Amino acid sequence: MAEVPLTWYLILSALLFTIGVVGVLVKRNPIVIFMCVELMLNAVNLTLVAFGRYLGDAGGQMLSIFVMAVAAAEVAVGLGILIAIFRLRDNINVDETNTMRG
């Protein structure tokens, strides 16, 4: 069986990253924005793993696991901030949350 070329992985990764960037710029719901950021991080993970496989090095997989750990921490902190804002204002719309004052 023939292997999938590296360029296909990079094109898919660029497409996923672009969808994530557009989602962050267009959407107003913070949960959707977090999902788009996660999509961008997964695109980076795909690129890291593809280059690691192409070069025959395990460094891409190790960096990918590190990115997953950072993404998990980002979600935990972000959701904590969202819950705090929702308790104060009963609204989590990004346009209306322009200050971080209590």
N, C-alpha and C. Protein backbone atom coordinates (compact mmCIF):
# COMPACT_ATOMS: atom_id res chain seq x y z
N MET A 1 0.84 -1.19 0.00
CA MET A 1 0.00 0.00 0.00
C MET A 1 0.88 1.25 0.00
N ALA A 2 0.42 2.25 -0.69
CA ALA A 2 1.16 3.50 -0.77
C ALA A 2 0.86 4.35 0.46
N GLU A 3 1.86 5.09 0.91
CA GLU A 3 1.68 5.99 2.04
C GLU A 3 1.05 7.30 1.58
N VAL A 4 0.40 7.96 2.51
CA VAL A 4 -0.17 9.27 2.23
C VAL A 4 0.97 10.29 2.25
N PRO A 5 1.08 11.12 1.23
CA PRO A 5 2.18 12.10 1.20
C PRO A 5 2.06 13.14 2.32
N LEU A 6 3.20 13.70 2.68
CA LEU A 6 3.26 14.71 3.73
C LEU A 6 2.43 15.94 3.38
N THR A 7 2.39 16.30 2.12
CA THR A 7 1.66 17.51 1.72
C THR A 7 0.17 17.40 2.02
N TRP A 8 -0.40 16.21 1.94
CA TRP A 8 -1.82 16.05 2.25
C TRP A 8 -2.08 16.33 3.71
N TYR A 9 -1.20 15.86 4.57
CA TYR A 9 -1.34 16.15 6.01
C TYR A 9 -1.22 17.65 6.27
N LEU A 10 -0.27 18.29 5.59
CA LEU A 10 -0.08 19.73 5.79
C LEU A 10 -1.26 20.53 5.26
N ILE A 11 -1.84 20.10 4.15
CA ILE A 11 -3.02 20.79 3.61
C ILE A 11 -4.20 20.63 4.58
N LEU A 12 -4.41 19.42 5.09
CA LEU A 12 -5.48 19.20 6.06
C LEU A 12 -5.26 20.02 7.32
N SER A 13 -4.02 20.08 7.77
CA SER A 13 -3.70 20.86 8.97
C SER A 13 -3.95 22.35 8.73
N ALA A 14 -3.54 22.85 7.57
CA ALA A 14 -3.78 24.26 7.25
C ALA A 14 -5.27 24.57 7.15
N LEU A 15 -6.05 23.64 6.59
CA LEU A 15 -7.48 23.82 6.50
C LEU A 15 -8.13 23.86 7.89
N LEU A 16 -7.74 22.93 8.76
CA LEU A 16 -8.26 22.92 10.13
C LEU A 16 -7.89 24.19 10.88
N PHE A 17 -6.64 24.63 10.73
CA PHE A 17 -6.19 25.84 11.40
C PHE A 17 -6.97 27.06 10.90
N THR A 18 -7.21 27.12 9.59
CA THR A 18 -7.95 28.24 9.02
C THR A 18 -9.39 28.26 9.53
N ILE A 19 -10.02 27.09 9.62
CA ILE A 19 -11.38 27.02 10.16
C ILE A 19 -11.39 27.51 11.60
N GLY A 20 -10.37 27.14 12.38
CA GLY A 20 -10.29 27.59 13.76
C GLY A 20 -10.12 29.09 13.87
N VAL A 21 -9.27 29.66 13.04
CA VAL A 21 -9.04 31.12 13.08
C VAL A 21 -10.31 31.87 12.70
N VAL A 22 -10.99 31.40 11.66
CA VAL A 22 -12.23 32.05 11.25
C VAL A 22 -13.26 31.96 12.36
N GLY A 23 -13.34 30.82 13.02
CA GLY A 23 -14.28 30.66 14.12
C GLY A 23 -13.99 31.59 15.28
N VAL A 24 -12.71 31.77 15.60
CA VAL A 24 -12.35 32.69 16.69
C VAL A 24 -12.70 34.12 16.32
N LEU A 25 -12.49 34.49 15.07
CA LEU A 25 -12.74 35.87 14.67
C LEU A 25 -14.23 36.18 14.47
N VAL A 26 -15.03 35.19 14.11
CA VAL A 26 -16.42 35.43 13.75
C VAL A 26 -17.37 35.18 14.91
N LYS A 27 -17.17 34.12 15.65
CA LYS A 27 -18.14 33.72 16.67
C LYS A 27 -18.07 34.61 17.90
N ARG A 28 -19.19 34.68 18.63
CA ARG A 28 -19.29 35.52 19.83
C ARG A 28 -19.50 34.71 21.09
N ASN A 29 -19.78 33.43 20.97
CA ASN A 29 -19.97 32.58 22.14
C ASN A 29 -18.61 32.07 22.61
N PRO A 30 -18.25 32.29 23.87
CA PRO A 30 -16.92 31.88 24.33
C PRO A 30 -16.69 30.38 24.29
N ILE A 31 -17.73 29.58 24.45
CA ILE A 31 -17.55 28.13 24.36
C ILE A 31 -17.14 27.74 22.94
N VAL A 32 -17.76 28.34 21.95
CA VAL A 32 -17.42 28.07 20.56
C VAL A 32 -16.01 28.58 20.26
N ILE A 33 -15.65 29.70 20.85
CA ILE A 33 -14.30 30.23 20.66
C ILE A 33 -13.27 29.27 21.23
N PHE A 34 -13.54 28.71 22.42
CA PHE A 34 -12.63 27.71 22.98
C PHE A 34 -12.53 26.48 22.09
N MET A 35 -13.64 26.06 21.52
CA MET A 35 -13.60 24.91 20.62
C MET A 35 -12.77 25.21 19.38
N CYS A 36 -12.85 26.43 18.88
CA CYS A 36 -12.06 26.81 17.71
C CYS A 36 -10.57 26.88 18.05
N VAL A 37 -10.24 27.34 19.24
CA VAL A 37 -8.84 27.34 19.68
C VAL A 37 -8.34 25.90 19.78
N GLU A 38 -9.18 25.01 20.30
CA GLU A 38 -8.80 23.60 20.37
C GLU A 38 -8.60 23.02 18.98
N LEU A 39 -9.42 23.44 18.03
CA LEU A 39 -9.26 22.98 16.65
C LEU A 39 -7.91 23.44 16.08
N MET A 40 -7.53 24.68 16.39
CA MET A 40 -6.23 25.17 15.94
C MET A 40 -5.09 24.39 16.58
N LEU A 41 -5.21 24.08 17.87
CA LEU A 41 -4.17 23.29 18.53
C LEU A 41 -4.09 21.88 17.96
N ASN A 42 -5.22 21.30 17.60
CA ASN A 42 -5.21 19.98 16.98
C ASN A 42 -4.58 20.02 15.59
N ALA A 43 -4.76 21.12 14.88
CA ALA A 43 -4.10 21.27 13.58
C ALA A 43 -2.58 21.31 13.75
N VAL A 44 -2.14 22.00 14.79
CA VAL A 44 -0.70 22.04 15.08
C VAL A 44 -0.20 20.64 15.47
N ASN A 45 -0.99 19.91 16.25
CA ASN A 45 -0.62 18.54 16.62
C ASN A 45 -0.49 17.66 15.38
N LEU A 46 -1.41 17.79 14.45
CA LEU A 46 -1.34 17.01 13.22
C LEU A 46 -0.06 17.32 12.44
N THR A 47 0.29 18.59 12.38
CA THR A 47 1.53 18.97 11.70
C THR A 47 2.75 18.40 12.40
N LEU A 48 2.78 18.48 13.72
CA LEU A 48 3.92 17.95 14.47
C LEU A 48 4.08 16.45 14.27
N VAL A 49 2.98 15.72 14.34
CA VAL A 49 3.04 14.27 14.17
C VAL A 49 3.41 13.91 12.73
N ALA A 50 2.88 14.64 11.76
CA ALA A 50 3.20 14.37 10.35
C ALA A 50 4.69 14.60 10.08
N PHE A 51 5.24 15.70 10.58
CA PHE A 51 6.66 15.94 10.37
C PHE A 51 7.51 14.94 11.14
N GLY A 52 7.08 14.55 12.33
CA GLY A 52 7.81 13.53 13.08
C GLY A 52 7.84 12.21 12.34
N ARG A 53 6.72 11.83 11.75
CA ARG A 53 6.66 10.59 10.98
C ARG A 53 7.51 10.71 9.72
N TYR A 54 7.47 11.87 9.06
CA TYR A 54 8.22 12.08 7.83
C TYR A 54 9.73 12.03 8.09
N LEU A 55 10.16 12.62 9.20
CA LEU A 55 11.59 12.66 9.51
C LEU A 55 12.06 11.42 10.27
N GLY A 56 11.12 10.58 10.70
CA GLY A 56 11.49 9.38 11.43
C GLY A 56 11.96 9.67 12.84
N ASP A 57 11.42 10.73 13.43
CA ASP A 57 11.82 11.15 14.77
C ASP A 57 10.59 11.16 15.67
N ALA A 58 10.78 10.82 16.94
CA ALA A 58 9.67 10.80 17.88
C ALA A 58 9.44 12.16 18.53
N GLY A 59 10.19 13.16 18.16
CA GLY A 59 10.05 14.49 18.73
C GLY A 59 8.71 15.12 18.46
N GLY A 60 8.13 14.85 17.29
CA GLY A 60 6.83 15.39 16.96
C GLY A 60 5.74 14.87 17.87
N GLN A 61 5.81 13.57 18.19
CA GLN A 61 4.82 12.98 19.09
C GLN A 61 4.97 13.53 20.51
N MET A 62 6.20 13.73 20.93
CA MET A 62 6.43 14.27 22.28
C MET A 62 5.92 15.71 22.38
N LEU A 63 6.20 16.52 21.37
CA LEU A 63 5.69 17.89 21.37
C LEU A 63 4.16 17.92 21.30
N SER A 64 3.60 16.97 20.58
CA SER A 64 2.15 16.88 20.48
C SER A 64 1.51 16.59 21.84
N ILE A 65 2.11 15.73 22.62
CA ILE A 65 1.61 15.45 23.97
C ILE A 65 1.73 16.69 24.84
N PHE A 66 2.81 17.45 24.69
CA PHE A 66 2.97 18.69 25.44
C PHE A 66 1.88 19.70 25.07
N VAL A 67 1.56 19.80 23.78
CA VAL A 67 0.51 20.72 23.32
C VAL A 67 -0.84 20.29 23.89
N MET A 68 -1.08 18.98 23.97
CA MET A 68 -2.34 18.50 24.56
C MET A 68 -2.45 18.89 26.03
N ALA A 69 -1.33 18.82 26.75
CA ALA A 69 -1.34 19.21 28.17
C ALA A 69 -1.62 20.70 28.31
N VAL A 70 -1.03 21.51 27.46
CA VAL A 70 -1.28 22.96 27.49
C VAL A 70 -2.74 23.25 27.14
N ALA A 71 -3.29 22.50 26.18
CA ALA A 71 -4.69 22.70 25.79
C ALA A 71 -5.63 22.34 26.94
N ALA A 72 -5.31 21.29 27.67
CA ALA A 72 -6.16 20.91 28.81
C ALA A 72 -6.12 21.98 29.89
N ALA A 73 -4.95 22.54 30.14
CA ALA A 73 -4.83 23.61 31.14
C ALA A 73 -5.58 24.86 30.67
N GLU A 74 -5.51 25.15 29.39
CA GLU A 74 -6.21 26.32 28.84
C GLU A 74 -7.71 26.18 28.99
N VAL A 75 -8.22 24.99 28.75
CA VAL A 75 -9.66 24.77 28.88
C VAL A 75 -10.08 24.89 30.34
N ALA A 76 -9.31 24.34 31.25
CA ALA A 76 -9.66 24.41 32.67
C ALA A 76 -9.70 25.85 33.17
N VAL A 77 -8.70 26.62 32.83
CA VAL A 77 -8.65 28.02 33.27
C VAL A 77 -9.74 28.83 32.57
N GLY A 78 -9.91 28.62 31.28
CA GLY A 78 -10.92 29.37 30.53
C GLY A 78 -12.33 29.10 31.01
N LEU A 79 -12.64 27.84 31.27
CA LEU A 79 -13.98 27.54 31.77
C LEU A 79 -14.20 28.09 33.18
N GLY A 80 -13.16 28.11 33.99
CA GLY A 80 -13.27 28.72 35.32
C GLY A 80 -13.57 30.21 35.22
N ILE A 81 -12.91 30.89 34.30
CA ILE A 81 -13.17 32.32 34.09
C ILE A 81 -14.59 32.53 33.58
N LEU A 82 -15.04 31.68 32.66
CA LEU A 82 -16.40 31.81 32.14
C LEU A 82 -17.45 31.60 33.22
N ILE A 83 -17.24 30.64 34.08
CA ILE A 83 -18.19 30.41 35.18
C ILE A 83 -18.22 31.61 36.11
N ALA A 84 -17.06 32.18 36.41
CA ALA A 84 -17.02 33.36 37.28
C ALA A 84 -17.74 34.54 36.64
N ILE A 85 -17.55 34.75 35.35
CA ILE A 85 -18.23 35.85 34.66
C ILE A 85 -19.73 35.61 34.62
N PHE A 86 -20.14 34.37 34.38
CA PHE A 86 -21.57 34.07 34.33
C PHE A 86 -22.24 34.28 35.68
N ARG A 87 -21.54 33.96 36.75
CA ARG A 87 -22.12 34.17 38.08
C ARG A 87 -22.27 35.65 38.40
N LEU A 88 -21.38 36.47 37.90
CA LEU A 88 -21.46 37.92 38.17
C LEU A 88 -22.49 38.62 37.28
N ARG A 89 -22.57 38.24 36.03
CA ARG A 89 -23.36 39.02 35.07
C ARG A 89 -24.54 38.28 34.46
N ASP A 90 -24.67 37.00 34.65
CA ASP A 90 -25.70 36.17 34.04
C ASP A 90 -25.68 36.24 32.52
N ASN A 91 -24.51 36.52 31.96
CA ASN A 91 -24.36 36.60 30.51
C ASN A 91 -22.90 36.34 30.19
N ILE A 92 -22.65 35.55 29.16
CA ILE A 92 -21.26 35.28 28.79
C ILE A 92 -20.98 35.71 27.35
N ASN A 93 -21.74 36.65 26.84
CA ASN A 93 -21.52 37.16 25.50
C ASN A 93 -20.19 37.92 25.47
N VAL A 94 -19.38 37.63 24.49
CA VAL A 94 -18.04 38.22 24.41
C VAL A 94 -18.11 39.72 24.19
N ASP A 95 -19.08 40.19 23.42
CA ASP A 95 -19.20 41.62 23.15
C ASP A 95 -19.54 42.42 24.39
N GLU A 96 -20.32 41.84 25.28
CA GLU A 96 -20.74 42.56 26.49
C GLU A 96 -19.77 42.41 27.65
N THR A 97 -18.83 41.52 27.54
CA THR A 97 -17.83 41.31 28.58
C THR A 97 -16.55 42.00 28.15
N ASN A 98 -16.49 43.31 28.35
CA ASN A 98 -15.33 44.06 27.89
C ASN A 98 -14.41 44.48 29.04
N THR A 99 -14.83 44.28 30.26
CA THR A 99 -13.97 44.62 31.39
C THR A 99 -13.86 43.43 32.31
N MET A 100 -12.79 43.36 33.07
CA MET A 100 -12.58 42.27 34.01
C MET A 100 -12.76 42.76 35.45
N ARG A 101 -13.44 43.89 35.61
CA ARG A 101 -13.70 44.40 36.97
C ARG A 101 -14.80 43.61 37.63
N GLY A 102 -14.79 43.56 38.98
CA GLY A 102 -15.78 42.78 39.72
C GLY A 102 -16.99 43.49 40.06
